[in-house]
Amino acid sequence: MTRARKTKIVATLGPMSDTVERVRALHEAGADVFRLNASHGTHATLRRSYDVVRRVEAECGRPLGIVFDLQGPKIRIGAFATDSVELAAGSKFRLDLSDAPGDVHRVQLPHAKVMAALAPDQEVLLDDGRLRLRIDRRGPDFVETTVVTGGRLSNRKGVNLPGITLPLSPLTAKDHVDLQFGLDLGVDWIALSFVQRPDDIAEARRLIAGRAAVLAKIEKPSAIDRLDELIELADACMVARGDLGVELPPEDVPGLQKRIIAASRRAGKPVIVATQMLESMVHAPAPTRAEASDVATAVYDGADALMLSAESATGAYPVEAVAMMDRIIARTEKDPIHRQIMDAQRPELEATAADAISAAAAQAALTLSAAAIVTYTMSGSTALRAARERPHVPVLCLTARLETARRMALAWGTHCVYTDDVHTFSEMVDKACRIALEQGMAKRGDRIIVTAGVPFGTPGSTNILRIAWIGG
């Protein structure tokens, strides 16, 4: 199955979408990559979802990527004696380490390291930012606050601390267990939640040890401060607009989305835009016009992939949501303005043979009206460099490593084929022509542009460009 669009779709699996029939329907509707959320479900349900995706992959004959999303250090308050309380604006409210049930005057914040990082005049956001507190003073095991924005607060609601870099690893004890489980399953991407600093990614890389690619979720303001460093260390990024939109003013998020996408594209790393893209389709069969525009904006920005969360995991219309996103993306990419933006935002080239070859391939494909750019790659770097140029034609990625083919399912414009390795230059060209024909990406009489690195099998050594003609 060759897509008519280049921007990819990530669909989250859940109770409404974890059967073979439903995953098959999601893939046929447009899903290229599937997300397993370790924050929800048991290891047994996650294993079942993984097995279902791999079964559909075998049926369709196209590599499918799987993202395993770790929960991360989600900070929550304790419980109340009455399950919930009403906090009035202007009232005093204490957060402390005591495990006694809370009331209208206080509640537990069961995180000593977090408590130690708080200081007067800082803000504490509760329940996804619905309630807002300002810290007045701090003691050894408590903080006294004033309620700025009140409302009903119930048990174990989440806590956000905007502008504060917390002394916490992005990997909790639960995450360590989940990480090992995901790696044993064979997932392709590990998504790290609440990344704050480069050391967070370095720690995860050490544990993952090359068994999966690392995806950094940018959802903390402190991550924005070190964005380029995080992108350099990660294999891909996600614009996680949910928590980012809680800890920052809503008007800041669109600009940051563009900034993260642009920085990722400069680095040649895939980037996903996520959260509430078609939120109304959790309950309705069609999105709002504003949501359709939001999806289109991410495509115009140059994102590699767009993600559905509750829409495909727990919503009433999971397949319809994927199909709708597929149609919006395809229509947006046909807009002449989209191509103008892609060309205008093309990153500056590095003074390397690989960048020179990739840029030349995109230009040759345009000049010669070639049907496709074909890359041979072991690590995926050759295909990623080709995708970074956002060429007018699709990128056919040929690789002898199945894990590479699955990971590349996330990258813009790539169509991945798992195939035997090649040993000679002529064999490479012959195979490129044959597979482009078989995959429906070219027809007899078409030209294709072939790039590879010689000697074969050397990661990052893209140094050859060949214009090939598919004979009759």
Protein backbone atom coordinates (compact mmCIF):
# COMPACT_ATOMS: atom_id res chain seq x y z
CA MET A 1 0.00 0.00 0.00
CA THR A 2 1.56 3.27 -1.17
CA ARG A 3 0.15 6.41 0.44
CA ALA A 4 -0.87 9.40 -1.64
CA ARG A 5 0.50 11.71 1.08
CA LYS A 6 3.89 12.24 2.69
CA THR A 7 3.02 13.30 6.27
CA LYS A 8 2.53 10.21 8.44
CA ILE A 9 -0.25 9.32 10.90
CA VAL A 10 0.33 7.84 14.37
CA ALA A 11 -2.72 6.16 15.92
CA THR A 12 -2.89 5.36 19.64
CA LEU A 13 -4.35 1.94 20.44
CA GLY A 14 -6.79 1.37 23.29
CA PRO A 15 -10.05 -0.35 24.22
CA MET A 16 -11.77 0.83 21.01
CA SER A 17 -8.99 -0.21 18.67
CA ASP A 18 -6.99 -3.20 19.84
CA THR A 19 -8.50 -6.01 17.75
CA VAL A 20 -7.06 -7.37 14.52
CA GLU A 21 -10.07 -6.15 12.58
CA ARG A 22 -9.89 -2.65 14.01
CA VAL A 23 -6.09 -2.28 13.61
CA ARG A 24 -6.37 -3.52 10.04
CA ALA A 25 -9.10 -0.94 9.41
CA LEU A 26 -6.98 1.81 11.01
CA HIS A 27 -4.04 0.94 8.79
CA GLU A 28 -6.17 0.83 5.66
CA ALA A 29 -7.66 4.21 6.64
CA GLY A 30 -4.19 5.72 6.88
CA ALA A 31 -2.32 4.81 10.10
CA ASP A 32 1.41 4.28 9.48
CA VAL A 33 2.61 3.96 13.10
CA PHE A 34 0.83 2.73 16.22
CA ARG A 35 1.32 4.03 19.76
CA LEU A 36 1.06 1.90 22.88
CA ASN A 37 0.50 4.03 25.98
CA ALA A 38 2.14 2.52 29.06
CA SER A 39 0.16 4.95 31.26
CA HIS A 40 -2.96 2.89 30.59
CA GLY A 41 -3.62 -0.82 30.46
CA THR A 42 -1.71 -3.79 31.78
CA HIS A 43 1.29 -5.51 30.31
CA ALA A 44 -1.08 -8.21 29.08
CA THR A 45 -3.22 -5.72 27.12
CA LEU A 46 -0.13 -3.95 25.77
CA ARG A 47 1.30 -7.28 24.63
CA ARG A 48 -1.96 -8.12 22.90
CA SER A 49 -1.94 -4.79 21.07
CA TYR A 50 1.68 -5.32 20.01
CA ASP A 51 0.90 -8.80 18.68
CA VAL A 52 -2.12 -7.48 16.76
CA VAL A 53 -0.02 -4.81 15.02
CA ARG A 54 2.62 -7.36 14.04
CA ARG A 55 -0.08 -9.67 12.66
CA VAL A 56 -1.51 -6.84 10.54
CA GLU A 57 2.01 -5.95 9.44
CA ALA A 58 2.53 -9.50 8.19
CA GLU A 59 -0.79 -9.40 6.35
CA CYS A 60 -0.22 -6.08 4.61
CA GLY A 61 3.45 -6.70 3.80
CA ARG A 62 4.49 -3.20 4.85
CA PRO A 63 6.65 -2.42 7.93
CA LEU A 64 4.62 -0.74 10.69
CA GLY A 65 6.25 1.28 13.45
CA ILE A 66 5.31 0.93 17.13
CA VAL A 67 5.88 3.72 19.65
CA PHE A 68 5.94 2.67 23.31
CA ASP A 69 5.08 5.75 25.39
CA LEU A 70 6.36 5.73 28.98
CA GLN A 71 4.32 7.49 31.65
CA GLY A 72 7.16 9.49 33.21
CA PRO A 73 7.15 11.24 36.61
CA LYS A 74 3.54 12.41 36.75
CA ILE A 75 3.18 14.44 39.96
CA ARG A 76 -0.14 14.08 41.79
CA ILE A 77 -1.64 15.27 45.05
CA GLY A 78 -2.95 12.84 47.67
CA ALA A 79 -6.55 12.02 48.58
CA PHE A 80 -9.24 13.95 50.45
CA ALA A 81 -11.35 12.69 53.34
CA THR A 82 -14.45 13.64 51.33
CA ASP A 83 -13.03 12.68 47.89
CA SER A 84 -13.14 16.33 46.76
CA VAL A 85 -13.20 19.89 48.09
CA GLU A 86 -14.14 23.33 46.75
CA LEU A 87 -11.28 25.83 46.86
CA ALA A 88 -12.30 29.48 46.84
CA ALA A 89 -10.19 32.15 45.16
CA GLY A 90 -8.23 34.11 47.76
CA SER A 91 -8.28 31.32 50.36
CA LYS A 92 -5.16 29.73 51.85
CA PHE A 93 -4.22 26.17 51.00
CA ARG A 94 -1.29 24.08 52.19
CA LEU A 95 0.60 21.35 50.34
CA ASP A 96 2.59 19.07 52.65
CA LEU A 97 4.19 15.65 53.00
CA SER A 98 1.71 14.28 55.54
CA ASP A 99 -0.29 11.27 54.33
CA ALA A 100 -3.36 12.27 56.37
CA PRO A 101 -6.51 12.70 54.23
CA GLY A 102 -6.86 16.23 52.90
CA ASP A 103 -9.55 18.84 53.48
CA VAL A 104 -10.38 22.35 52.32
CA HIS A 105 -7.24 23.67 54.06
CA ARG A 106 -4.55 21.18 52.97
CA VAL A 107 -3.63 18.05 51.02
CA GLN A 108 -0.60 15.84 50.61
CA LEU A 109 2.01 16.45 47.91
CA PRO A 110 3.84 13.12 48.25
CA HIS A 111 7.09 14.13 46.55
CA ALA A 112 9.83 15.33 48.90
CA LYS A 113 12.21 16.27 46.08
CA VAL A 114 9.50 18.32 44.40
CA MET A 115 8.65 20.03 47.67
CA ALA A 116 12.29 20.98 48.15
CA ALA A 117 12.41 22.63 44.72
CA LEU A 118 9.50 25.01 45.42
CA ALA A 119 9.93 28.63 46.42
CA PRO A 120 7.78 31.70 47.19
CA ASP A 121 6.04 33.45 44.28
CA GLN A 122 6.11 30.33 42.12
CA GLU A 123 2.86 28.97 40.71
CA VAL A 124 1.37 25.51 41.27
CA LEU A 125 -1.21 24.30 38.75
CA LEU A 126 -3.66 21.54 39.66
CA ASP A 127 -5.97 19.37 37.55
CA ASP A 128 -4.50 20.27 34.13
CA GLY A 129 -4.27 23.93 35.09
CA ARG A 130 -7.91 24.35 36.10
CA LEU A 131 -6.85 25.50 39.57
CA ARG A 132 -3.97 27.88 40.15
CA LEU A 133 -2.07 28.46 43.42
CA ARG A 134 0.67 30.97 44.29
CA ILE A 135 3.27 29.98 46.87
CA ASP A 136 3.51 32.43 49.81
CA ARG A 137 6.08 30.70 51.97
CA ARG A 138 7.87 27.42 52.33
CA GLY A 139 8.71 25.32 55.39
CA PRO A 140 10.81 22.17 55.72
CA ASP A 141 7.95 19.86 54.69
CA PHE A 142 5.20 22.13 53.37
CA VAL A 143 4.34 25.16 51.28
CA GLU A 144 1.62 27.68 52.10
CA THR A 145 -0.23 28.98 49.04
CA THR A 146 -2.97 31.40 48.07
CA VAL A 147 -5.65 30.14 45.69
CA VAL A 148 -5.57 32.37 42.62
CA THR A 149 -8.07 30.42 40.53
CA GLY A 150 -10.41 28.24 42.53
CA GLY A 151 -12.71 25.34 41.77
CA ARG A 152 -13.46 21.76 42.74
CA LEU A 153 -10.38 19.62 43.45
CA SER A 154 -10.66 15.85 43.79
CA ASN A 155 -8.38 12.97 44.72
CA ARG A 156 -4.98 12.47 43.08
CA LYS A 157 -5.25 15.20 40.47
CA GLY A 158 -2.12 16.08 38.53
CA VAL A 159 0.28 18.86 39.48
CA ASN A 160 2.15 21.10 37.02
CA LEU A 161 4.95 23.44 38.07
CA PRO A 162 5.60 25.89 35.23
CA GLY A 163 9.10 27.29 34.92
CA ILE A 164 10.60 24.90 37.46
CA THR A 165 13.25 22.35 36.51
CA LEU A 166 12.59 19.47 38.86
CA PRO A 167 15.33 17.22 40.27
CA LEU A 168 13.58 14.14 38.90
CA SER A 169 14.62 11.50 36.40
CA PRO A 170 12.16 11.07 33.51
CA LEU A 171 12.19 7.36 34.36
CA THR A 172 10.29 6.30 37.47
CA ALA A 173 10.36 2.82 39.02
CA LYS A 174 7.28 1.98 36.96
CA ASP A 175 8.98 3.29 33.82
CA HIS A 176 12.00 1.05 34.39
CA VAL A 177 9.72 -2.00 34.51
CA ASP A 178 7.69 -0.82 31.53
CA LEU A 179 10.82 0.00 29.53
CA GLN A 180 12.23 -3.47 29.92
CA PHE A 181 8.85 -4.94 28.99
CA GLY A 182 8.63 -2.80 25.84
CA LEU A 183 12.17 -3.63 24.78
CA ASP A 184 11.52 -7.34 25.29
CA LEU A 185 8.42 -7.03 23.09
CA GLY A 186 10.50 -5.46 20.34
CA VAL A 187 8.95 -1.99 20.03
CA ASP A 188 10.59 0.42 17.60
CA TRP A 189 10.43 3.71 19.50
CA ILE A 190 10.58 4.54 23.21
CA ALA A 191 8.85 7.84 23.97
CA LEU A 192 10.22 9.64 27.05
CA SER A 193 7.71 11.80 28.92
CA PHE A 194 8.56 15.06 30.72
CA VAL A 195 12.10 15.35 29.37
CA GLN A 196 13.81 18.38 30.96
CA ARG A 197 17.53 18.17 30.24
CA PRO A 198 20.00 16.35 27.95
CA ASP A 199 21.02 14.04 30.80
CA ASP A 200 17.47 12.63 30.76
CA ILE A 201 17.95 11.34 27.22
CA ALA A 202 21.47 10.12 27.95
CA GLU A 203 20.13 8.06 30.86
CA ALA A 204 17.46 6.48 28.68
CA ARG A 205 19.94 5.75 25.88
CA ARG A 206 22.18 3.93 28.31
CA LEU A 207 19.30 1.67 29.39
CA ILE A 208 17.89 1.13 25.91
CA ALA A 209 21.34 0.29 24.50
CA GLY A 210 20.30 0.57 20.86
CA ARG A 211 17.35 -1.82 21.11
CA ALA A 212 14.91 0.94 20.11
CA ALA A 213 15.05 4.53 18.92
CA VAL A 214 14.50 7.36 21.43
CA LEU A 215 11.66 9.85 21.02
CA ALA A 216 11.79 12.91 23.31
CA LYS A 217 8.41 14.40 24.23
CA ILE A 218 8.74 18.18 24.53
CA GLU A 219 6.12 19.11 27.13
CA LYS A 220 8.03 21.13 29.76
CA PRO A 221 9.11 24.77 29.40
CA SER A 222 12.53 23.77 30.74
CA ALA A 223 12.92 21.49 27.69
CA ILE A 224 12.40 24.47 25.38
CA ASP A 225 15.40 26.19 26.99
CA ARG A 226 17.68 23.35 25.82
CA LEU A 227 15.77 22.33 22.73
CA ASP A 228 18.68 22.00 20.30
CA GLU A 229 20.64 19.83 22.73
CA LEU A 230 17.65 17.54 23.28
CA ILE A 231 17.02 17.19 19.54
CA GLU A 232 20.69 16.38 18.94
CA LEU A 233 20.63 13.53 21.48
CA ALA A 234 17.20 12.11 20.57
CA ASP A 235 16.27 10.20 17.42
CA ALA A 236 12.96 12.06 17.12
CA CYS A 237 10.81 14.59 19.00
CA MET A 238 7.17 15.06 19.83
CA VAL A 239 5.40 18.40 20.29
CA ALA A 240 3.30 17.22 23.25
CA ARG A 241 0.87 20.10 23.34
CA GLY A 242 -1.19 18.83 26.28
CA ASP A 243 1.16 19.47 29.19
CA LEU A 244 3.00 22.16 27.23
CA GLY A 245 -0.28 24.04 26.98
CA VAL A 246 -0.90 23.67 30.71
CA GLU A 247 2.46 25.01 31.84
CA LEU A 248 2.61 27.82 29.27
CA PRO A 249 0.03 30.39 28.18
CA PRO A 250 -2.06 28.97 25.30
CA GLU A 251 -0.95 31.80 23.03
CA ASP A 252 2.68 30.61 23.34
CA VAL A 253 2.06 27.07 22.10
CA PRO A 254 1.53 27.69 18.33
CA GLY A 255 4.83 29.54 18.02
CA LEU A 256 6.66 26.87 20.00
CA GLN A 257 5.15 24.19 17.77
CA LYS A 258 6.66 25.89 14.74
CA ARG A 259 9.98 26.36 16.51
CA ILE A 260 10.25 22.69 17.53
CA ILE A 261 9.32 21.49 14.05
CA ALA A 262 11.82 23.81 12.39
CA ALA A 263 14.62 22.79 14.78
CA SER A 264 13.91 19.09 14.22
CA ARG A 265 13.87 19.51 10.47
CA ARG A 266 17.21 21.36 10.55
CA ALA A 267 18.65 18.43 12.46
CA GLY A 268 17.08 15.89 10.11
CA LYS A 269 15.12 14.25 12.96
CA PRO A 270 11.46 13.18 12.64
CA VAL A 271 8.99 15.27 14.63
CA ILE A 272 5.42 14.42 15.68
CA VAL A 273 2.68 16.92 16.53
CA ALA A 274 0.30 15.51 19.14
CA THR A 275 -2.69 16.19 21.42
CA GLN A 276 -6.28 17.19 20.65
CA MET A 277 -5.83 17.31 16.88
CA LEU A 278 -9.33 15.97 16.19
CA GLU A 279 -10.57 15.98 19.78
CA SER A 280 -14.26 16.41 18.94
CA MET A 281 -14.15 13.10 17.04
CA VAL A 282 -13.87 11.29 20.35
CA HIS A 283 -17.66 11.72 20.44
CA ALA A 284 -18.66 13.09 17.02
CA PRO A 285 -18.30 11.61 13.50
CA ALA A 286 -16.76 14.80 12.11
CA PRO A 287 -14.25 17.37 13.41
CA THR A 288 -14.75 21.08 13.88
CA ARG A 289 -13.45 23.42 11.19
CA ALA A 290 -10.89 24.71 13.69
CA GLU A 291 -9.55 21.17 14.21
CA ALA A 292 -9.25 20.61 10.47
CA SER A 293 -7.30 23.86 10.26
CA ASP A 294 -5.08 22.75 13.17
CA VAL A 295 -4.18 19.53 11.36
CA ALA A 296 -3.46 21.46 8.16
CA THR A 297 -1.27 23.95 10.03
CA ALA A 298 0.97 21.15 11.31
CA VAL A 299 1.30 19.87 7.74
CA TYR A 300 2.18 23.35 6.46
CA ASP A 301 4.75 23.60 9.29
CA GLY A 302 6.49 20.50 7.89
CA ALA A 303 5.83 17.96 10.66
CA ASP A 304 6.82 14.38 9.83
CA ALA A 305 3.80 12.88 11.56
CA LEU A 306 0.56 13.80 13.33
CA MET A 307 -0.80 11.78 16.24
CA LEU A 308 -4.27 10.76 17.36
CA SER A 309 -4.66 9.95 21.06
CA ALA A 310 -8.11 9.48 22.59
CA GLU A 311 -9.63 9.81 19.11
CA SER A 312 -8.34 6.35 18.13
CA ALA A 313 -7.83 4.76 21.57
CA THR A 314 -11.13 5.35 23.37
CA GLY A 315 -13.25 7.41 20.97
CA ALA A 316 -16.44 6.30 19.28
CA TYR A 317 -15.07 6.89 15.76
CA PRO A 318 -11.44 5.67 15.64
CA VAL A 319 -11.35 4.61 11.98
CA GLU A 320 -13.26 7.70 10.89
CA ALA A 321 -10.78 9.91 12.77
CA VAL A 322 -7.82 8.34 10.95
CA ALA A 323 -9.60 8.59 7.60
CA MET A 324 -10.43 12.24 8.26
CA MET A 325 -6.84 13.06 9.17
CA ASP A 326 -5.69 11.24 6.03
CA ARG A 327 -7.99 13.37 3.86
CA ILE A 328 -6.98 16.66 5.49
CA ILE A 329 -3.27 15.87 5.09
CA ALA A 330 -3.65 14.79 1.47
CA ARG A 331 -5.65 17.90 0.56
CA THR A 332 -3.18 20.20 2.32
CA GLU A 333 -0.18 18.67 0.59
CA LYS A 334 -1.82 19.31 -2.81
CA ASP A 335 -2.09 23.01 -2.04
CA PRO A 336 0.58 24.91 -4.05
CA ILE A 337 1.24 27.00 -0.94
CA HIS A 338 2.39 23.85 0.88
CA ARG A 339 5.13 23.27 -1.69
CA GLN A 340 6.14 26.93 -1.55
CA ILE A 341 6.51 26.69 2.23
CA MET A 342 8.51 23.44 2.06
CA ASP A 343 10.91 24.96 -0.46
CA ALA A 344 11.24 28.25 1.41
CA GLN A 345 12.00 26.50 4.71
CA ARG A 346 14.58 24.07 3.32
CA PRO A 347 17.39 23.85 5.91
CA GLU A 348 20.89 24.99 5.08
CA LEU A 349 23.15 22.18 3.95
CA GLU A 350 26.11 20.98 5.95
CA ALA A 351 29.41 20.78 4.10
CA THR A 352 29.24 16.99 3.78
CA ALA A 353 29.02 14.59 0.87
CA ALA A 354 25.81 13.12 2.31
CA ASP A 355 24.03 16.50 2.37
CA ALA A 356 25.30 17.38 -1.09
CA ILE A 357 24.04 14.08 -2.52
CA SER A 358 20.64 14.38 -0.79
CA ALA A 359 20.10 17.94 -2.04
CA ALA A 360 21.20 16.95 -5.54
CA ALA A 361 18.80 13.99 -5.51
CA ALA A 362 15.85 16.25 -4.67
CA GLN A 363 16.82 18.72 -7.39
CA ALA A 364 17.44 15.99 -9.97
CA ALA A 365 14.05 14.42 -9.20
CA LEU A 366 12.36 17.78 -9.78
CA THR A 367 14.32 18.68 -12.92
CA LEU A 368 13.86 15.28 -14.56
CA SER A 369 10.29 14.69 -13.31
CA ALA A 370 11.51 11.46 -11.71
CA ALA A 371 8.98 9.15 -10.12
CA ALA A 372 10.83 8.60 -6.84
CA ILE A 373 14.07 8.87 -4.92
CA VAL A 374 15.33 5.43 -3.87
CA THR A 375 17.68 5.15 -0.92
CA TYR A 376 19.65 2.18 0.35
CA THR A 377 20.24 2.41 4.08
CA MET A 378 21.18 0.30 7.09
CA SER A 379 20.68 2.81 9.90
CA GLY A 380 18.09 5.00 8.17
CA SER A 381 20.38 8.02 7.94
CA THR A 382 20.40 8.09 4.13
CA ALA A 383 16.59 8.09 3.96
CA LEU A 384 16.33 10.71 6.71
CA ARG A 385 18.66 13.02 4.81
CA ALA A 386 16.54 12.58 1.70
CA ALA A 387 13.34 13.29 3.67
CA ARG A 388 14.93 16.37 5.27
CA GLU A 389 14.95 18.00 1.84
CA ARG A 390 11.16 17.52 1.58
CA PRO A 391 11.44 16.47 -2.09
CA HIS A 392 8.55 16.69 -4.56
CA VAL A 393 8.54 12.91 -4.98
CA PRO A 394 8.28 10.06 -2.46
CA VAL A 395 11.36 8.43 -0.95
CA LEU A 396 11.51 4.67 -1.39
CA CYS A 397 13.63 3.40 1.51
CA LEU A 398 15.22 -0.02 0.95
CA THR A 399 16.90 -1.68 3.90
CA ALA A 400 18.09 -5.12 4.93
CA ARG A 401 17.27 -4.35 8.59
CA LEU A 402 13.63 -4.84 9.56
CA GLU A 403 14.03 -2.63 12.64
CA THR A 404 15.21 0.22 10.42
CA ALA A 405 12.25 -0.20 8.07
CA ARG A 406 9.85 -0.06 11.02
CA ARG A 407 11.47 3.02 12.54
CA MET A 408 11.47 4.82 9.21
CA ALA A 409 7.69 4.45 8.99
CA LEU A 410 7.63 7.64 11.08
CA ALA A 411 9.65 9.77 8.65
CA TRP A 412 8.10 12.22 6.17
CA GLY A 413 7.62 10.98 2.62
CA THR A 414 9.25 7.59 3.11
CA HIS A 415 7.88 4.28 1.87
CA CYS A 416 9.92 1.51 3.48
CA VAL A 417 10.63 -1.91 2.03
CA TYR A 418 12.48 -4.64 3.92
CA THR A 419 14.64 -6.48 1.41
CA ASP A 420 17.84 -8.49 1.07
CA ASP A 421 21.10 -6.55 1.05
CA VAL A 422 22.93 -5.74 -2.17
CA HIS A 423 26.62 -6.33 -2.85
CA THR A 424 27.37 -4.56 -6.10
CA PHE A 425 26.48 -1.21 -7.63
CA SER A 426 24.70 -2.74 -10.63
CA GLU A 427 22.68 -5.03 -8.35
CA MET A 428 21.65 -1.96 -6.34
CA VAL A 429 20.33 -0.12 -9.40
CA ASP A 430 18.53 -3.18 -10.78
CA LYS A 431 16.83 -3.84 -7.45
CA ALA A 432 15.83 -0.18 -7.06
CA CYS A 433 14.13 -0.22 -10.46
CA ARG A 434 12.38 -3.53 -9.84
CA ILE A 435 11.03 -2.63 -6.36
CA ALA A 436 9.92 0.86 -7.44
CA LEU A 437 7.92 -0.85 -10.20
CA GLU A 438 6.53 -3.55 -7.89
CA GLN A 439 5.50 -1.03 -5.24
CA GLY A 440 3.59 1.07 -7.75
CA MET A 441 5.86 4.07 -7.21
CA ALA A 442 7.04 4.11 -10.83
CA LYS A 443 6.05 2.70 -14.19
CA ARG A 444 8.02 1.56 -17.20
CA GLY A 445 9.71 4.46 -18.92
CA ASP A 446 10.04 6.48 -15.70
CA ARG A 447 13.27 7.73 -14.21
CA ILE A 448 14.21 7.22 -10.58
CA ILE A 449 17.02 8.78 -8.54
CA VAL A 450 19.09 6.26 -6.56
CA THR A 451 21.30 7.24 -3.61
CA ALA A 452 23.45 5.04 -1.41
CA GLY A 453 26.71 4.85 0.46
CA VAL A 454 29.71 2.89 -0.76
CA PRO A 455 31.09 0.75 0.74
CA PHE A 456 27.66 -0.75 1.39
CA GLY A 457 26.56 -1.17 5.00
CA THR A 458 28.52 1.82 6.32
CA PRO A 459 26.09 4.08 8.24
CA GLY A 460 26.09 7.75 7.23
CA SER A 461 28.28 7.27 4.14
CA THR A 462 25.86 8.52 1.45
CA ASN A 463 28.17 9.35 -1.46
CA ILE A 464 26.59 8.09 -4.69
CA LEU A 465 23.77 9.38 -6.87
CA ARG A 466 22.57 7.47 -9.92
CA ILE A 467 19.81 8.39 -12.39
CA ALA A 468 18.18 5.17 -13.55
CA TRP A 469 15.60 4.47 -16.22
CA ILE A 470 13.01 1.74 -15.75
CA GLY A 471 13.06 -0.12 -19.05
CA GLY A 472 10.26 -1.85 -20.83
